[in-house]
């Protein structure tokens, strides 16, 4: 019994070594799991809001992409949190692949979410 506790204690201490390791500190794993869960929930909520918006304004957004500007494409980029300095470049890329996004709104949502944080 003492041997089992000794081995367990040594394993826990090995995770706390100051040297570089690919294994995280086992004591921090529960906190990391909670943080990851919260980040995933926030991302999924943001994506759901964007998907709803795109679904309800898809035709107008496609027209605005073709035109190069518009309030609905700007709102979609804001919902995806695309940084302002990257929006023009993204709009150019969206215009190049407009045939895909005209047929597939889900692909458009993915394209926007990829460019957000």
N, C-alpha and C. Protein backbone atom coordinates (compact mmCIF):
# COMPACT_ATOMS: atom_id res chain seq x y z
N UNK A 1 0.82 -1.18 0.00
CA UNK A 1 0.00 0.00 0.00
C UNK A 1 0.88 1.26 0.00
N UNK A 2 1.90 1.27 0.85
CA UNK A 2 2.81 2.41 0.91
C UNK A 2 3.53 2.57 -0.42
N UNK A 3 3.88 1.45 -1.04
CA UNK A 3 4.57 1.47 -2.32
C UNK A 3 3.69 2.13 -3.40
N UNK A 4 2.40 1.86 -3.39
CA UNK A 4 1.49 2.45 -4.38
C UNK A 4 1.43 3.96 -4.21
N UNK A 5 1.35 4.43 -2.97
CA UNK A 5 1.32 5.87 -2.72
C UNK A 5 2.65 6.52 -3.12
N UNK A 6 3.74 5.84 -2.87
CA UNK A 6 5.05 6.35 -3.24
C UNK A 6 5.17 6.50 -4.76
N UNK A 7 4.73 5.50 -5.49
CA UNK A 7 4.78 5.55 -6.95
C UNK A 7 3.87 6.65 -7.48
N UNK A 8 2.67 6.77 -6.92
CA UNK A 8 1.73 7.81 -7.33
C UNK A 8 2.31 9.19 -7.05
N UNK A 9 2.91 9.35 -5.89
CA UNK A 9 3.53 10.63 -5.53
C UNK A 9 4.67 10.99 -6.44
N UNK A 10 5.50 10.02 -6.79
CA UNK A 10 6.60 10.28 -7.71
C UNK A 10 6.11 10.66 -9.10
N UNK A 11 5.04 10.03 -9.55
CA UNK A 11 4.46 10.36 -10.86
C UNK A 11 3.92 11.79 -10.87
N UNK A 12 3.27 12.19 -9.79
CA UNK A 12 2.75 13.55 -9.71
C UNK A 12 3.89 14.57 -9.67
N UNK A 13 4.94 14.27 -8.92
CA UNK A 13 6.08 15.18 -8.85
C UNK A 13 6.82 15.27 -10.18
N UNK A 14 6.84 14.20 -10.93
CA UNK A 14 7.51 14.21 -12.23
C UNK A 14 6.81 15.19 -13.18
N UNK A 15 5.51 15.35 -13.03
CA UNK A 15 4.78 16.31 -13.84
C UNK A 15 5.07 17.74 -13.46
N UNK A 16 5.67 17.96 -12.32
CA UNK A 16 5.96 19.32 -11.84
C UNK A 16 7.41 19.71 -12.08
N UNK A 17 8.14 18.97 -12.85
CA UNK A 17 9.56 19.27 -13.07
C UNK A 17 9.70 20.59 -13.83
N UNK A 18 10.77 21.34 -13.58
CA UNK A 18 10.94 22.63 -14.24
C UNK A 18 11.43 22.50 -15.69
N UNK A 19 11.85 21.33 -16.09
CA UNK A 19 12.35 21.15 -17.45
C UNK A 19 11.22 21.10 -18.47
N UNK A 20 11.60 21.28 -19.75
CA UNK A 20 10.62 21.25 -20.83
C UNK A 20 10.06 19.84 -20.97
N UNK A 21 8.79 19.74 -21.21
CA UNK A 21 8.13 18.46 -21.36
C UNK A 21 6.90 18.63 -22.24
N UNK A 22 6.57 17.60 -22.98
CA UNK A 22 5.35 17.66 -23.78
C UNK A 22 4.12 17.31 -22.96
N UNK A 23 4.32 16.83 -21.76
CA UNK A 23 3.19 16.50 -20.89
C UNK A 23 2.89 17.68 -19.97
N UNK A 24 1.63 18.07 -19.86
CA UNK A 24 1.30 19.17 -18.96
C UNK A 24 1.33 18.71 -17.50
N UNK A 25 1.35 19.67 -16.62
CA UNK A 25 1.28 19.37 -15.20
C UNK A 25 -0.08 18.71 -14.93
N UNK A 26 -0.10 17.51 -14.37
CA UNK A 26 -1.37 16.81 -14.16
C UNK A 26 -2.31 17.55 -13.22
N UNK A 27 -1.78 18.40 -12.37
CA UNK A 27 -2.65 19.14 -11.46
C UNK A 27 -3.41 20.25 -12.18
N UNK A 28 -2.91 20.68 -13.34
CA UNK A 28 -3.59 21.74 -14.07
C UNK A 28 -4.59 21.21 -15.11
N UNK A 29 -4.65 19.91 -15.31
CA UNK A 29 -5.53 19.35 -16.34
C UNK A 29 -7.01 19.65 -16.10
N UNK A 30 -7.53 19.55 -14.88
CA UNK A 30 -8.96 19.87 -14.72
C UNK A 30 -9.27 21.33 -15.08
N UNK A 31 -8.42 22.24 -14.73
CA UNK A 31 -8.63 23.64 -15.09
C UNK A 31 -8.57 23.85 -16.59
N UNK A 32 -7.63 23.18 -17.25
CA UNK A 32 -7.53 23.29 -18.71
C UNK A 32 -8.76 22.71 -19.39
N UNK A 33 -9.30 21.63 -18.84
CA UNK A 33 -10.49 21.03 -19.42
C UNK A 33 -11.68 21.98 -19.31
N UNK A 34 -11.83 22.64 -18.18
CA UNK A 34 -12.92 23.60 -18.01
C UNK A 34 -12.74 24.78 -18.96
N UNK A 35 -11.52 25.31 -19.06
CA UNK A 35 -11.26 26.44 -19.95
C UNK A 35 -11.53 26.08 -21.40
N UNK A 36 -11.13 24.90 -21.80
CA UNK A 36 -11.37 24.45 -23.18
C UNK A 36 -12.86 24.31 -23.44
N UNK A 37 -13.58 23.77 -22.48
CA UNK A 37 -15.03 23.64 -22.62
C UNK A 37 -15.71 24.99 -22.77
N UNK A 38 -15.28 25.98 -22.00
CA UNK A 38 -15.86 27.32 -22.10
C UNK A 38 -15.53 27.97 -23.43
N UNK A 39 -14.28 27.80 -23.89
CA UNK A 39 -13.89 28.36 -25.19
C UNK A 39 -14.69 27.72 -26.32
N UNK A 40 -14.88 26.41 -26.26
CA UNK A 40 -15.67 25.72 -27.29
C UNK A 40 -17.12 26.18 -27.29
N UNK A 41 -17.68 26.38 -26.10
CA UNK A 41 -19.07 26.83 -26.00
C UNK A 41 -19.22 28.24 -26.59
N UNK A 42 -18.27 29.11 -26.31
CA UNK A 42 -18.32 30.47 -26.86
C UNK A 42 -18.19 30.45 -28.38
N UNK A 43 -17.27 29.63 -28.90
CA UNK A 43 -17.09 29.52 -30.35
C UNK A 43 -18.36 28.98 -31.01
N UNK A 44 -18.94 27.93 -30.44
CA UNK A 44 -20.14 27.34 -31.01
C UNK A 44 -21.31 28.32 -30.99
N UNK A 45 -21.43 29.12 -29.94
CA UNK A 45 -22.50 30.12 -29.87
C UNK A 45 -22.30 31.19 -30.94
N UNK A 46 -21.07 31.64 -31.12
CA UNK A 46 -20.77 32.65 -32.14
C UNK A 46 -21.05 32.10 -33.53
N UNK A 47 -20.66 30.85 -33.76
CA UNK A 47 -20.90 30.22 -35.07
C UNK A 47 -22.39 30.05 -35.32
N UNK A 48 -23.15 29.69 -34.30
CA UNK A 48 -24.60 29.52 -34.46
C UNK A 48 -25.27 30.86 -34.80
N UNK A 49 -24.84 31.94 -34.15
CA UNK A 49 -25.40 33.26 -34.47
C UNK A 49 -25.09 33.64 -35.92
N UNK A 50 -23.85 33.38 -36.34
CA UNK A 50 -23.46 33.68 -37.72
C UNK A 50 -24.24 32.83 -38.71
N UNK A 51 -24.38 31.54 -38.42
CA UNK A 51 -25.12 30.65 -39.33
C UNK A 51 -26.57 31.09 -39.47
N UNK A 52 -27.20 31.50 -38.36
CA UNK A 52 -28.57 31.98 -38.41
C UNK A 52 -28.66 33.22 -39.28
N UNK A 53 -27.73 34.15 -39.07
CA UNK A 53 -27.73 35.40 -39.83
C UNK A 53 -27.54 35.13 -41.33
N UNK A 54 -26.59 34.27 -41.66
CA UNK A 54 -26.33 33.94 -43.07
C UNK A 54 -27.54 33.26 -43.69
N UNK A 55 -28.15 32.37 -42.96
CA UNK A 55 -29.33 31.65 -43.47
C UNK A 55 -30.46 32.63 -43.82
N UNK A 56 -30.65 33.65 -43.01
CA UNK A 56 -31.75 34.58 -43.22
C UNK A 56 -31.43 35.71 -44.20
N UNK A 57 -30.16 35.93 -44.52
CA UNK A 57 -29.77 37.02 -45.41
C UNK A 57 -28.83 36.55 -46.53
N UNK A 58 -28.86 35.28 -46.85
CA UNK A 58 -27.88 34.69 -47.77
C UNK A 58 -27.87 35.39 -49.13
N UNK A 59 -29.01 35.56 -49.75
CA UNK A 59 -29.05 36.16 -51.09
C UNK A 59 -28.51 37.59 -51.09
N UNK A 60 -28.89 38.37 -50.07
CA UNK A 60 -28.42 39.75 -49.99
C UNK A 60 -26.91 39.81 -49.74
N UNK A 61 -26.40 38.90 -48.92
CA UNK A 61 -24.96 38.86 -48.64
C UNK A 61 -24.19 38.53 -49.90
N UNK A 62 -24.68 37.58 -50.67
CA UNK A 62 -24.01 37.21 -51.93
C UNK A 62 -23.99 38.41 -52.88
N UNK A 63 -25.11 39.13 -52.97
CA UNK A 63 -25.14 40.32 -53.82
C UNK A 63 -24.12 41.36 -53.35
N UNK A 64 -23.98 41.52 -52.04
CA UNK A 64 -23.03 42.49 -51.49
C UNK A 64 -21.58 42.06 -51.72
N UNK A 65 -21.33 40.77 -51.68
CA UNK A 65 -19.98 40.28 -52.00
C UNK A 65 -19.64 40.63 -53.44
N UNK A 66 -20.60 40.41 -54.34
CA UNK A 66 -20.37 40.73 -55.76
C UNK A 66 -20.15 42.23 -55.94
N UNK A 67 -20.87 43.05 -55.17
CA UNK A 67 -20.73 44.50 -55.27
C UNK A 67 -19.46 45.01 -54.59
N UNK A 68 -18.94 44.26 -53.65
CA UNK A 68 -17.72 44.65 -52.96
C UNK A 68 -17.94 45.34 -51.64
N UNK A 69 -19.17 45.55 -51.25
CA UNK A 69 -19.46 46.20 -49.97
C UNK A 69 -20.94 46.05 -49.64
N UNK A 70 -21.26 46.35 -48.40
CA UNK A 70 -22.65 46.32 -47.97
C UNK A 70 -22.79 46.08 -46.49
N UNK A 71 -23.93 46.47 -45.93
CA UNK A 71 -24.11 46.34 -44.48
C UNK A 71 -24.25 44.89 -44.00
N UNK A 72 -24.82 44.03 -44.82
CA UNK A 72 -25.02 42.65 -44.35
C UNK A 72 -23.72 41.86 -44.34
N UNK A 73 -22.86 42.04 -45.35
CA UNK A 73 -21.57 41.35 -45.33
C UNK A 73 -20.72 41.92 -44.20
N UNK A 74 -20.83 43.20 -43.92
CA UNK A 74 -20.09 43.80 -42.80
C UNK A 74 -20.56 43.22 -41.48
N UNK A 75 -21.87 43.06 -41.33
CA UNK A 75 -22.42 42.47 -40.10
C UNK A 75 -21.97 41.02 -39.97
N UNK A 76 -21.96 40.27 -41.07
CA UNK A 76 -21.51 38.88 -41.02
C UNK A 76 -20.06 38.80 -40.58
N UNK A 77 -19.23 39.70 -41.08
CA UNK A 77 -17.82 39.70 -40.68
C UNK A 77 -17.67 40.09 -39.21
N UNK A 78 -18.50 41.00 -38.74
CA UNK A 78 -18.47 41.37 -37.33
C UNK A 78 -18.88 40.19 -36.45
N UNK A 79 -19.92 39.46 -36.86
CA UNK A 79 -20.35 38.28 -36.09
C UNK A 79 -19.26 37.22 -36.03
N UNK A 80 -18.48 37.10 -37.11
CA UNK A 80 -17.37 36.14 -37.14
C UNK A 80 -16.12 36.71 -36.49
N UNK A 81 -16.16 37.98 -36.11
CA UNK A 81 -15.03 38.69 -35.50
C UNK A 81 -13.80 38.72 -36.41
N UNK A 82 -14.04 38.94 -37.68
CA UNK A 82 -12.92 39.11 -38.62
C UNK A 82 -12.30 40.47 -38.32
N UNK A 83 -11.00 40.52 -38.05
CA UNK A 83 -10.35 41.81 -37.77
C UNK A 83 -10.53 42.79 -38.93
N UNK A 84 -10.69 44.05 -38.60
CA UNK A 84 -10.96 45.08 -39.61
C UNK A 84 -9.87 45.13 -40.68
N UNK A 85 -8.62 44.95 -40.30
CA UNK A 85 -7.53 45.04 -41.28
C UNK A 85 -7.50 43.87 -42.25
N UNK A 86 -8.26 42.81 -41.98
CA UNK A 86 -8.28 41.63 -42.87
C UNK A 86 -9.57 41.54 -43.68
N UNK A 87 -10.53 42.43 -43.43
CA UNK A 87 -11.83 42.31 -44.09
C UNK A 87 -11.77 42.54 -45.60
N UNK A 88 -10.99 43.51 -46.04
CA UNK A 88 -10.90 43.77 -47.48
C UNK A 88 -10.31 42.57 -48.23
N UNK A 89 -9.24 42.01 -47.67
CA UNK A 89 -8.63 40.83 -48.30
C UNK A 89 -9.61 39.65 -48.33
N UNK A 90 -10.35 39.47 -47.24
CA UNK A 90 -11.33 38.38 -47.19
C UNK A 90 -12.43 38.61 -48.21
N UNK A 91 -12.89 39.83 -48.34
CA UNK A 91 -13.95 40.13 -49.31
C UNK A 91 -13.48 39.83 -50.73
N UNK A 92 -12.21 40.10 -51.01
CA UNK A 92 -11.64 39.77 -52.33
C UNK A 92 -11.64 38.27 -52.55
N UNK A 93 -11.26 37.52 -51.53
CA UNK A 93 -11.25 36.05 -51.64
C UNK A 93 -12.66 35.49 -51.79
N UNK A 94 -13.59 36.06 -51.05
CA UNK A 94 -14.98 35.61 -51.16
C UNK A 94 -15.52 35.86 -52.56
N UNK A 95 -15.16 37.00 -53.13
CA UNK A 95 -15.62 37.33 -54.49
C UNK A 95 -15.06 36.34 -55.50
N UNK A 96 -13.82 35.88 -55.29
CA UNK A 96 -13.21 34.91 -56.21
C UNK A 96 -13.95 33.58 -56.19
N UNK A 97 -14.48 33.20 -55.03
CA UNK A 97 -15.17 31.91 -54.89
C UNK A 97 -16.67 32.07 -54.70
N UNK A 98 -17.23 33.12 -55.27
CA UNK A 98 -18.64 33.44 -55.04
C UNK A 98 -19.57 32.34 -55.53
N UNK A 99 -19.19 31.61 -56.57
CA UNK A 99 -20.06 30.54 -57.08
C UNK A 99 -20.26 29.46 -56.01
N UNK A 100 -19.20 29.14 -55.28
CA UNK A 100 -19.31 28.15 -54.20
C UNK A 100 -20.23 28.66 -53.10
N UNK A 101 -20.03 29.90 -52.68
CA UNK A 101 -20.81 30.44 -51.57
C UNK A 101 -22.26 30.71 -51.96
N UNK A 102 -22.51 30.93 -53.23
CA UNK A 102 -23.89 31.10 -53.70
C UNK A 102 -24.66 29.79 -53.53
N UNK A 103 -23.98 28.66 -53.76
CA UNK A 103 -24.64 27.35 -53.65
C UNK A 103 -24.63 26.81 -52.23
N UNK A 104 -23.61 27.13 -51.45
CA UNK A 104 -23.41 26.49 -50.15
C UNK A 104 -23.19 27.52 -49.05
N UNK A 105 -24.25 27.84 -48.32
CA UNK A 105 -24.16 28.84 -47.25
C UNK A 105 -23.27 28.34 -46.11
N UNK A 106 -23.25 27.02 -45.87
CA UNK A 106 -22.42 26.47 -44.79
C UNK A 106 -20.94 26.69 -45.09
N UNK A 107 -20.55 26.57 -46.34
CA UNK A 107 -19.15 26.82 -46.71
C UNK A 107 -18.80 28.28 -46.49
N UNK A 108 -19.76 29.17 -46.71
CA UNK A 108 -19.54 30.59 -46.47
C UNK A 108 -19.33 30.85 -44.97
N UNK A 109 -20.12 30.21 -44.14
CA UNK A 109 -19.98 30.35 -42.68
C UNK A 109 -18.60 29.88 -42.25
N UNK A 110 -18.16 28.75 -42.77
CA UNK A 110 -16.83 28.23 -42.44
C UNK A 110 -15.74 29.22 -42.87
N UNK A 111 -15.88 29.77 -44.07
CA UNK A 111 -14.88 30.71 -44.57
C UNK A 111 -14.77 31.93 -43.65
N UNK A 112 -15.89 32.42 -43.17
CA UNK A 112 -15.84 33.56 -42.25
C UNK A 112 -15.26 33.18 -40.91
N UNK A 113 -15.65 32.05 -40.36
CA UNK A 113 -15.18 31.64 -39.03
C UNK A 113 -13.68 31.36 -39.04
N UNK A 114 -13.15 30.89 -40.14
CA UNK A 114 -11.72 30.62 -40.24
C UNK A 114 -10.92 31.91 -40.10
N UNK A 115 -11.47 33.01 -40.56
CA UNK A 115 -10.75 34.27 -40.53
C UNK A 115 -10.95 35.05 -39.24
N UNK A 116 -11.83 34.58 -38.38
CA UNK A 116 -11.99 35.20 -37.07
C UNK A 116 -11.00 34.61 -36.07
N UNK A 117 -11.00 35.13 -34.86
CA UNK A 117 -10.05 34.60 -33.86
C UNK A 117 -10.44 33.23 -33.34
